[in-house]
Protein backbone atom coordinates (compact mmCIF):
# COMPACT_ATOMS: atom_id res chain seq x y z
CA MET A 1 -10.72 16.33 10.73
CA LEU A 2 -9.68 15.30 14.31
CA LEU A 3 -12.89 15.11 15.76
CA THR A 4 -14.63 13.47 12.63
CA LYS A 5 -12.00 10.92 11.67
CA SER A 6 -9.33 10.14 14.42
CA PHE A 7 -12.01 8.01 16.39
CA SER A 8 -12.23 5.48 13.70
CA ILE A 9 -8.35 5.70 12.86
CA LEU A 10 -7.48 5.16 16.45
CA ARG A 11 -9.94 2.10 16.66
CA HIS A 12 -7.74 0.25 14.13
CA PRO A 13 -4.41 1.72 14.69
CA ILE A 14 -2.58 -0.91 12.93
CA LYS A 15 -4.95 -0.92 10.02
CA HIS A 16 -4.31 2.90 9.57
CA PHE A 17 -0.79 3.04 11.11
CA SER A 18 0.22 5.72 8.63
CA MET A 19 -2.41 8.15 9.71
CA VAL A 20 -1.65 7.73 13.33
CA PRO A 21 1.15 10.28 13.62
CA SER A 22 -0.57 12.89 11.61
CA ILE A 23 -3.75 12.43 14.13
CA ILE A 24 -1.24 13.06 17.23
CA ASP A 25 0.69 15.87 15.28
CA TYR A 26 -2.63 17.59 14.68
CA GLY A 27 -4.07 17.05 18.22
CA LEU A 28 -0.73 18.38 19.72
CA SER A 29 -0.91 21.48 17.33
CA ILE A 30 -4.39 22.54 18.51
CA ILE A 31 -3.46 21.97 22.25
CA TRP A 32 -0.12 24.15 21.65
CA SER A 33 -2.14 26.99 19.80
CA LEU A 34 -4.61 27.10 22.72
CA PHE A 35 -2.13 27.09 25.37
CA TYR A 36 -0.04 29.87 23.32
CA TRP A 37 -3.02 32.31 23.38
CA MET A 38 -3.76 31.58 26.72
CA SER A 39 -0.12 32.14 27.88
CA MET A 40 -0.17 35.40 25.57
CA VAL A 41 -3.27 36.84 27.15
CA THR A 42 -1.69 36.03 30.74
CA PHE A 43 1.55 37.78 29.71
CA VAL A 44 0.09 40.72 28.60
CA VAL A 45 -2.04 41.10 31.67
CA LEU A 46 0.58 40.72 33.78
CA GLN A 47 2.77 42.91 31.99
CA MET A 48 -0.21 45.49 32.25
CA GLY A 49 -0.48 45.25 35.76
CA TYR A 50 3.59 45.52 36.59
CA LEU A 51 3.02 48.90 34.16
CA ILE A 52 -0.05 49.90 36.60
CA ASN A 53 2.04 49.06 39.66
CA HIS A 54 5.26 50.76 38.37
CA ASP A 55 7.13 47.38 39.20
CA TRP A 56 9.89 48.26 36.46
CA HIS A 57 12.20 45.28 37.52
CA ARG A 58 9.42 42.32 36.62
CA LEU A 59 8.25 44.57 33.75
CA LEU A 60 11.71 44.74 32.26
CA SER A 61 12.88 41.12 33.49
CA ASN A 62 9.94 39.67 31.67
CA LEU A 63 10.48 41.72 28.09
CA SER A 64 13.96 40.60 28.09
CA PHE A 65 13.09 37.04 28.65
CA SER A 66 10.74 37.48 25.92
CA GLY A 67 13.12 38.99 23.35
CA ILE A 68 15.77 36.27 24.46
CA PHE A 69 13.10 33.60 23.69
CA ILE A 70 11.69 35.24 20.25
CA THR A 71 15.41 35.82 19.02
CA ILE A 72 16.37 31.89 19.63
CA GLU A 73 12.95 31.51 17.70
CA ILE A 74 14.11 33.61 15.00
CA LEU A 75 17.58 32.13 14.58
CA VAL A 76 16.44 28.59 14.57
CA GLY A 77 13.81 29.60 11.74
CA LEU A 78 16.84 31.26 10.04
CA ILE A 79 19.00 27.92 10.39
CA GLN A 80 16.12 25.89 9.13
CA LEU A 81 15.45 28.31 6.06
CA VAL A 82 18.96 28.39 4.96
CA GLN A 83 19.37 24.44 5.14
CA ALA A 84 16.09 24.05 3.26
CA SER A 85 17.12 26.75 0.77
CA TYR A 86 20.50 24.69 -0.06
CA PHE A 87 18.57 21.43 -0.35
CA ASN A 88 15.80 22.47 -2.50
CA ASP A 89 17.18 25.29 -4.79
CA GLY A 90 20.97 25.47 -4.08
CA GLY A 91 20.43 28.85 -2.24
CA ARG A 92 18.84 30.49 -4.88
CA SER A 93 15.57 31.49 -2.49
CA LEU A 94 17.83 33.31 0.13
CA LYS A 95 17.40 36.38 -1.43
CA TYR A 96 13.67 36.36 0.48
CA ILE A 97 15.81 36.02 3.68
CA ALA A 98 15.23 39.37 5.02
CA PHE A 99 11.39 38.44 4.92
CA ALA A 100 11.73 35.00 6.84
CA PRO A 101 11.71 36.44 10.53
CA TRP A 102 8.55 38.13 10.06
CA TYR A 103 6.76 35.40 8.12
CA ILE A 104 7.72 33.06 10.85
CA LEU A 105 6.31 35.23 13.74
CA ILE A 106 3.26 36.33 11.75
CA TYR A 107 2.46 33.05 10.52
CA TRP A 108 2.62 31.34 13.84
CA MET A 109 0.59 34.01 15.41
CA VAL A 110 -2.08 34.03 12.51
CA ASN A 111 -2.28 30.10 12.41
CA THR A 112 -2.49 29.83 16.34
CA TYR A 113 -5.25 32.33 16.23
CA THR A 114 -7.10 30.96 13.54
CA VAL A 115 -7.50 27.71 15.59
CA ALA A 116 -7.90 29.15 18.78
CA VAL A 117 -11.02 31.09 17.39
CA GLU A 118 -12.43 28.33 15.11
CA ILE A 119 -12.17 25.42 17.63
CA VAL A 120 -15.39 26.03 19.32
CA PRO A 121 -17.55 26.66 16.26
CA THR A 122 -16.47 23.73 14.74
CA ILE A 123 -16.91 21.66 17.46
CA ARG A 124 -20.46 23.22 17.60
CA GLN A 125 -20.88 22.15 13.92
CA ILE A 126 -19.68 18.40 14.53
CA ILE A 127 -22.36 18.08 17.54
CA ARG A 128 -24.99 19.28 15.45
CA GLY A 129 -24.21 16.63 12.60
CA LYS A 130 -22.72 18.97 10.16
CA ASP A 131 -19.46 18.24 7.94
CA ALA A 132 -17.25 20.81 9.90
CA GLY A 133 -13.76 20.96 8.84
CA VAL A 134 -14.46 19.29 5.78
CA TRP A 135 -13.56 20.74 2.06
CA LYS A 136 -16.47 20.25 -0.46
CA SER A 137 -15.54 21.06 -4.36
CA PRO A 138 -17.80 23.79 -5.45
CA LYS A 139 -19.93 23.44 -8.46
CA ARG A 140 -17.86 23.99 -11.94
CA SER A 141 -19.03 26.28 -14.45
CA THR A 142 -19.36 25.46 -18.13
CA GLU A 143 -16.51 27.88 -18.81
CA VAL A 144 -14.06 25.84 -16.44
CA THR A 145 -15.38 22.09 -17.15
CA GLY A 146 -15.70 22.73 -20.84
CA LYS A 147 -19.06 20.66 -20.60
CA PRO A 148 -22.43 21.95 -21.06
CA GLU A 149 -24.63 22.39 -18.14
CA GLY A 150 -26.61 19.07 -17.02
CA LYS A 151 -24.13 16.94 -18.66
CA ASP A 152 -22.40 14.53 -16.11
CA SER A 153 -18.97 13.49 -16.60
CA ASN A 154 -19.65 9.77 -17.25
CA GLU A 155 -21.96 10.85 -20.49
């Protein structure tokens, strides 16, 4: 969507003003996803190097800082969940709070991984002129639509 629609929107930003923040957010999310995985790979390689070289101080120091940042992420996510639960349904959804930290961590990792893996194939398809990243409704069977096959919705 970013590569196919953003140029026309950004050519006339006042006309499409409501879409500009979405385009910016989407672009920053893609950049953040790529940097996340680049830094994750760098972190793992460095940690393995420290492990191989028996540099226990750096290994444990990096793991401690990572633990601190992950803890902060989980706490902020839990605060957001509690607030959203009380605003949305008076706190009834708090029964799922034990799963929230796992959901936050796994969702972020899967989401960023999907973006990082699919960015290059999507760009290739766009360059080839295909509708990459555009969802098209599948053909409906007669069981779903209730109309005999070959009949148009206008008939």
